[in-house]
Structures are given as structure tokens and as C-alpha cells.
Amino acid sequence: MVALIFAVALVQSPCADHAALMAAAADRAAVFDLKSATTRLAEGIECPEIAVAYWYVRGLIAARDAYRYGGSPESLEPVKLAITQLESRSPDSSAAEIARVVLQAASAAAQSEREEMGLFLDHALNLAREASAAGQSGAPIVSVYEVSADLWLQVHRFEDAHRAYVAASAQVGSTRRITLGLARTAFRLGELPAACEHYRLLVSGWPKSGGESSELGEARTFLRRAECRAGSASQR
């Protein structure tokens, strides 16, 4: 009877589907669909760990949108809300604290405040290393290493972005986000063969279940360039 009661309580727990929801959200984020990732996470937002992931990813989306509006106070309100939500969870969660600092960096990036952004990123990366050494969780769904590189690219610091993507790859492997970032920074730095290669890797490694995305379309369009076609022909 006790075992039955325990089993029923576990099923009713807000974290009962935690692993499945986090995995589904990570799958959507891996093909650059962060909005769908938040939709999945919202299904389990009563679970503390999922709530951290939800507010983090939602804040990243909002910060990127705010950048398009020059980081105006109004556009940054959703980012501030996400930061506040994460701050309330920071005392009990290393992931929440790391995510909070990353969103502060993203907020600074939305305003093109590069020096402030860099300071926040350094702090977030240090927190991530400390958490890893202590066996604690880092930022969920999208790693701090990937976001760090994305933000340097966003503020047009292409050499810094390239170095950050290389460092991110050493930490978390060659994710699609990193592959895309390396392609974009290679192009910006005038390294067309490298850009072609990374875009080619992105296309060839795209999952059948990934659907279409603007990033995939970007890669396919770039690979139509004469430089990429010539490089591909020479490898045959």
C-alpha cells in the first residue's frame, strides 16, 4: 500500500515528466526553435528545474527581440521579468544563478553595451566552471558557452565570437549552434572556404525531424555561392 501511494504521488508530482519535457525542449532548441522549446517547458513550469529553463530561454528570446529595437526600456521589460524570476530561484539553484547572469549579459548586448556584456559573460563562464567542478547544473537547454559566442557575434565582435565558438566546441562539442556560428564568423572574417565547410556540415547534419528553419535556409543559400560549389567539386 505504501509503495502504491508513493507511486501515485510521483505521477502527480509537477516534476513527473521533467526529463521528457527537458529533452523535448532541448531537441527544439537544437534546431534553433526556441519558441517551441518554451512551449514545451511551459507544460511543466510548476517543476522548479523546468521553471529555470523556461525563464532562461524566454529571456534569451526577449533579449534578441530587444536588440532589434535598440534595447529600448520597453523592449527589455520581458528580459527584466525573466531575470527577476531567475533571481528568486538563484539561492537554491546554480543553474538559475548562471542563467540570470547570462540574461544580464544578453540585456547589455541588446543595448550594444559591449564592455558591460563582456563582464557579465566572464562572470557567467566562471560560475559555469565552478558549478561543473562541484558537480552542479549549468545553464539549461542552451549552454552559457554557446550564448557567450552568440552575443559576441551579435555585437559584431567577430574575432572574439570566433574564439568563443571554438572554446564552446571544446566544452560542449560541435552543436549546430556552434557550427552555424563558426560559419557566420568565418564569412565575416573573410574565410570563405571555412564558411562553406561549416555551412555544409550544418546542412548535412540536419535531422529529418528538424523541419525547416531560417538558419537552414541561410546555409543552403550560402552554399549556392560559386566559392562553395568550386570547393565541393574539388573534393570529389
Protein backbone atom coordinates (compact mmCIF):
# COMPACT_ATOMS: atom_id res chain seq x y z
CA MET A 1 0.00 0.00 0.00
CA VAL A 2 2.82 2.43 0.89
CA ALA A 3 4.53 1.69 -2.43
CA LEU A 4 1.27 2.34 -4.29
CA ILE A 5 0.76 5.67 -2.54
CA PHE A 6 4.34 6.66 -3.34
CA ALA A 7 3.89 5.73 -6.99
CA VAL A 8 0.67 7.76 -7.27
CA ALA A 9 2.35 10.76 -5.62
CA LEU A 10 5.25 10.52 -8.04
CA VAL A 11 2.94 10.53 -11.06
CA GLN A 12 1.11 13.57 -9.66
CA SER A 13 4.35 15.42 -8.97
CA PRO A 14 4.90 18.54 -11.13
CA CYS A 15 8.30 17.06 -12.00
CA ALA A 16 6.94 13.69 -13.10
CA ASP A 17 7.58 14.43 -16.80
CA HIS A 18 10.66 16.52 -16.10
CA ALA A 19 13.16 14.53 -18.16
CA ALA A 20 10.87 14.14 -21.17
CA LEU A 21 9.94 17.83 -21.27
CA MET A 22 13.54 18.96 -20.91
CA ALA A 23 14.62 16.57 -23.67
CA ALA A 24 11.84 17.75 -25.98
CA ALA A 25 12.75 21.39 -25.35
CA ALA A 26 16.44 20.67 -25.96
CA ASP A 27 15.58 18.98 -29.26
CA ARG A 28 13.70 22.07 -30.43
CA ALA A 29 16.47 24.40 -29.27
CA ALA A 30 18.99 22.26 -31.18
CA VAL A 31 17.25 23.26 -34.42
CA PHE A 32 17.05 26.93 -33.34
CA ASP A 33 13.35 26.79 -32.44
CA LEU A 34 13.49 28.40 -29.03
CA LYS A 35 9.83 29.45 -29.09
CA SER A 36 8.70 25.84 -29.41
CA ALA A 37 11.16 24.97 -26.65
CA THR A 38 9.43 27.41 -24.29
CA THR A 39 6.04 25.97 -25.25
CA ARG A 40 7.18 22.53 -24.16
CA LEU A 41 8.76 23.85 -20.97
CA ALA A 42 5.59 25.75 -20.07
CA GLU A 43 3.82 22.41 -19.72
CA GLY A 44 5.90 21.65 -16.64
CA ILE A 45 6.61 25.11 -15.28
CA GLU A 46 5.46 24.08 -11.78
CA CYS A 47 8.60 21.97 -11.57
CA PRO A 48 11.43 24.22 -10.25
CA GLU A 49 14.09 22.94 -12.64
CA ILE A 50 11.82 23.33 -15.66
CA ALA A 51 10.83 26.81 -14.48
CA VAL A 52 14.51 27.83 -14.53
CA ALA A 53 14.86 26.56 -18.09
CA TYR A 54 11.61 28.24 -19.16
CA TRP A 55 12.52 31.70 -17.87
CA TYR A 56 16.06 31.41 -19.18
CA VAL A 57 15.03 30.52 -22.73
CA ARG A 58 12.19 33.03 -22.69
CA GLY A 59 14.66 35.70 -21.58
CA LEU A 60 17.07 34.82 -24.39
CA ILE A 61 14.29 35.21 -26.96
CA ALA A 62 13.20 38.51 -25.45
CA ALA A 63 16.76 39.88 -25.36
CA ARG A 64 17.26 39.02 -29.02
CA ASP A 65 13.99 40.74 -29.90
CA ALA A 66 15.00 43.77 -27.82
CA TYR A 67 18.23 44.09 -29.82
CA ARG A 68 16.13 44.72 -32.93
CA TYR A 69 14.59 47.70 -31.13
CA GLY A 70 17.89 49.10 -29.94
CA GLY A 71 17.44 47.77 -26.43
CA SER A 72 14.75 50.29 -25.55
CA PRO A 73 13.42 50.19 -21.96
CA GLU A 74 10.08 48.87 -23.18
CA SER A 75 11.64 46.09 -25.23
CA LEU A 76 13.77 44.98 -22.29
CA GLU A 77 10.86 44.60 -19.84
CA PRO A 78 10.37 40.88 -20.67
CA VAL A 79 14.09 40.29 -20.08
CA LYS A 80 13.90 42.03 -16.71
CA LEU A 81 10.93 39.86 -15.78
CA ALA A 82 12.88 36.71 -16.64
CA ILE A 83 15.89 37.94 -14.64
CA THR A 84 13.64 38.62 -11.64
CA GLN A 85 12.12 35.15 -11.87
CA LEU A 86 15.57 33.55 -12.01
CA GLU A 87 16.89 35.72 -9.18
CA SER A 88 14.16 34.39 -6.88
CA ARG A 89 15.40 30.86 -7.63
CA SER A 90 19.15 31.58 -7.54
CA PRO A 91 19.73 30.78 -3.84
CA ASP A 92 18.64 27.19 -4.44
CA SER A 93 19.93 26.63 -7.98
CA SER A 94 23.31 27.10 -9.61
CA ALA A 95 21.56 26.85 -13.00
CA ALA A 96 19.26 29.74 -12.11
CA GLU A 97 22.16 31.95 -11.00
CA ILE A 98 24.15 31.22 -14.15
CA ALA A 99 21.08 31.80 -16.31
CA ARG A 100 20.36 35.09 -14.53
CA VAL A 101 23.86 36.43 -15.22
CA VAL A 102 23.70 35.26 -18.85
CA LEU A 103 20.46 37.22 -19.30
CA GLN A 104 22.13 40.29 -17.81
CA ALA A 105 24.80 39.89 -20.48
CA ALA A 106 22.12 39.46 -23.15
CA SER A 107 20.38 42.60 -21.92
CA ALA A 108 23.63 44.55 -22.20
CA ALA A 109 24.17 43.13 -25.70
CA ALA A 110 20.69 44.30 -26.72
CA GLN A 111 21.88 47.82 -25.90
CA SER A 112 25.25 47.25 -27.62
CA GLU A 113 26.99 47.76 -24.27
CA ARG A 114 29.94 45.56 -25.17
CA GLU A 115 32.14 46.15 -22.13
CA GLU A 116 29.29 45.51 -19.69
CA MET A 117 28.26 42.45 -21.68
CA GLY A 118 31.80 41.10 -21.56
CA LEU A 119 31.98 41.48 -17.77
CA PHE A 120 28.71 39.62 -17.29
CA LEU A 121 29.83 36.87 -19.66
CA ASP A 122 33.13 36.43 -17.82
CA HIS A 123 31.21 36.10 -14.57
CA ALA A 124 28.74 33.63 -16.07
CA LEU A 125 31.53 31.49 -17.51
CA ASN A 126 33.34 31.44 -14.17
CA LEU A 127 30.12 30.39 -12.44
CA ALA A 128 29.63 27.64 -15.02
CA ARG A 129 33.14 26.30 -14.44
CA GLU A 130 32.65 26.36 -10.66
CA ALA A 131 29.31 24.58 -10.99
CA SER A 132 30.81 21.93 -13.23
CA ALA A 133 33.70 21.35 -10.80
CA ALA A 134 31.19 20.94 -7.98
CA GLY A 135 29.01 18.55 -9.99
CA GLN A 136 26.18 21.09 -10.20
CA SER A 137 23.98 22.04 -13.14
CA GLY A 138 24.86 24.78 -15.59
CA ALA A 139 22.55 26.85 -17.75
CA PRO A 140 19.90 24.52 -19.24
CA ILE A 141 18.88 23.97 -22.90
CA VAL A 142 21.44 26.40 -24.40
CA SER A 143 24.83 26.41 -22.72
CA VAL A 144 26.47 29.57 -21.44
CA TYR A 145 29.38 28.84 -23.78
CA GLU A 146 27.13 28.92 -26.84
CA VAL A 147 25.29 32.05 -25.71
CA SER A 148 28.56 33.80 -24.98
CA ALA A 149 29.73 33.25 -28.56
CA ASP A 150 26.33 34.22 -29.98
CA LEU A 151 26.40 37.51 -28.10
CA TRP A 152 29.88 38.44 -29.32
CA LEU A 153 28.66 37.76 -32.84
CA GLN A 154 25.52 39.82 -32.22
CA VAL A 155 27.56 42.88 -31.27
CA HIS A 156 29.83 42.44 -34.31
CA ARG A 157 32.99 41.43 -32.44
CA PHE A 158 33.75 38.71 -34.97
CA GLU A 159 37.22 37.63 -33.82
CA ASP A 160 36.01 37.40 -30.23
CA ALA A 161 32.97 35.46 -31.43
CA HIS A 162 35.13 33.03 -33.39
CA ARG A 163 37.34 32.37 -30.37
CA ALA A 164 34.26 31.90 -28.21
CA TYR A 165 32.74 29.37 -30.63
CA VAL A 166 36.00 27.40 -30.71
CA ALA A 167 36.10 27.43 -26.90
CA ALA A 168 32.42 26.42 -26.76
CA SER A 169 33.09 23.49 -29.07
CA ALA A 170 35.81 22.28 -26.71
CA GLN A 171 33.34 22.42 -23.82
CA VAL A 172 30.09 21.08 -25.29
CA GLY A 173 31.02 19.58 -28.67
CA SER A 174 30.13 20.63 -32.20
CA THR A 175 26.49 21.56 -31.76
CA ARG A 176 24.50 23.01 -34.65
CA ARG A 177 24.51 26.40 -32.93
CA ILE A 178 28.30 26.34 -32.79
CA THR A 179 28.60 25.09 -36.38
CA LEU A 180 26.38 27.93 -37.58
CA GLY A 181 28.33 30.45 -35.52
CA LEU A 182 31.63 29.26 -36.95
CA ALA A 183 30.20 29.57 -40.46
CA ARG A 184 28.98 33.12 -39.83
CA THR A 185 32.19 34.30 -38.20
CA ALA A 186 34.33 32.70 -40.91
CA PHE A 187 32.37 34.62 -43.54
CA ARG A 188 32.68 37.88 -41.61
CA LEU A 189 36.42 37.33 -41.27
CA GLY A 190 36.81 36.69 -44.99
CA GLU A 191 37.49 32.97 -44.65
CA LEU A 192 35.12 31.73 -47.33
CA PRO A 193 36.34 28.11 -47.63
CA ALA A 194 35.84 27.65 -43.87
CA ALA A 195 32.42 29.28 -44.04
CA CYS A 196 31.40 26.92 -46.85
CA GLU A 197 32.61 23.91 -44.89
CA HIS A 198 30.73 24.81 -41.73
CA TYR A 199 27.53 25.60 -43.62
CA ARG A 200 27.92 22.27 -45.42
CA LEU A 201 28.25 20.48 -42.09
CA LEU A 202 25.13 22.21 -40.80
CA VAL A 203 23.09 21.07 -43.80
CA SER A 204 24.44 17.52 -43.87
CA GLY A 205 23.85 17.07 -40.16
CA TRP A 206 20.33 18.47 -40.12
CA PRO A 207 17.87 15.91 -38.68
CA LYS A 208 14.86 14.77 -40.69
CA SER A 209 12.67 15.69 -37.75
CA GLY A 210 14.17 19.18 -37.55
CA GLY A 211 11.84 20.78 -40.06
CA GLU A 212 12.74 23.96 -41.89
CA SER A 213 14.31 26.98 -40.26
CA SER A 214 15.71 30.31 -41.37
CA GLU A 215 19.16 29.10 -40.31
CA LEU A 216 18.92 26.05 -42.55
CA GLY A 217 17.73 28.26 -45.39
CA GLU A 218 20.67 30.58 -44.76
CA ALA A 219 23.09 27.68 -45.05
CA ARG A 220 21.56 26.36 -48.25
CA THR A 221 21.59 29.80 -49.83
CA PHE A 222 25.23 30.35 -48.90
CA LEU A 223 26.24 27.01 -50.36
CA ARG A 224 24.97 28.15 -53.77
CA ARG A 225 27.85 30.63 -53.92
CA ALA A 226 30.43 29.89 -56.59
CA GLU A 227 33.18 29.59 -53.96
CA CYS A 228 31.30 26.82 -52.17
CA ARG A 229 30.40 24.95 -55.35
CA ALA A 230 34.01 25.11 -56.53
CA GLY A 231 35.27 23.81 -53.20
CA SER A 232 32.77 20.97 -53.22
CA ALA A 233 33.73 19.96 -56.77
CA SER A 234 37.43 19.92 -55.95
CA GLN A 235 36.81 17.43 -53.13
CA ARG A 236 35.27 14.85 -55.44
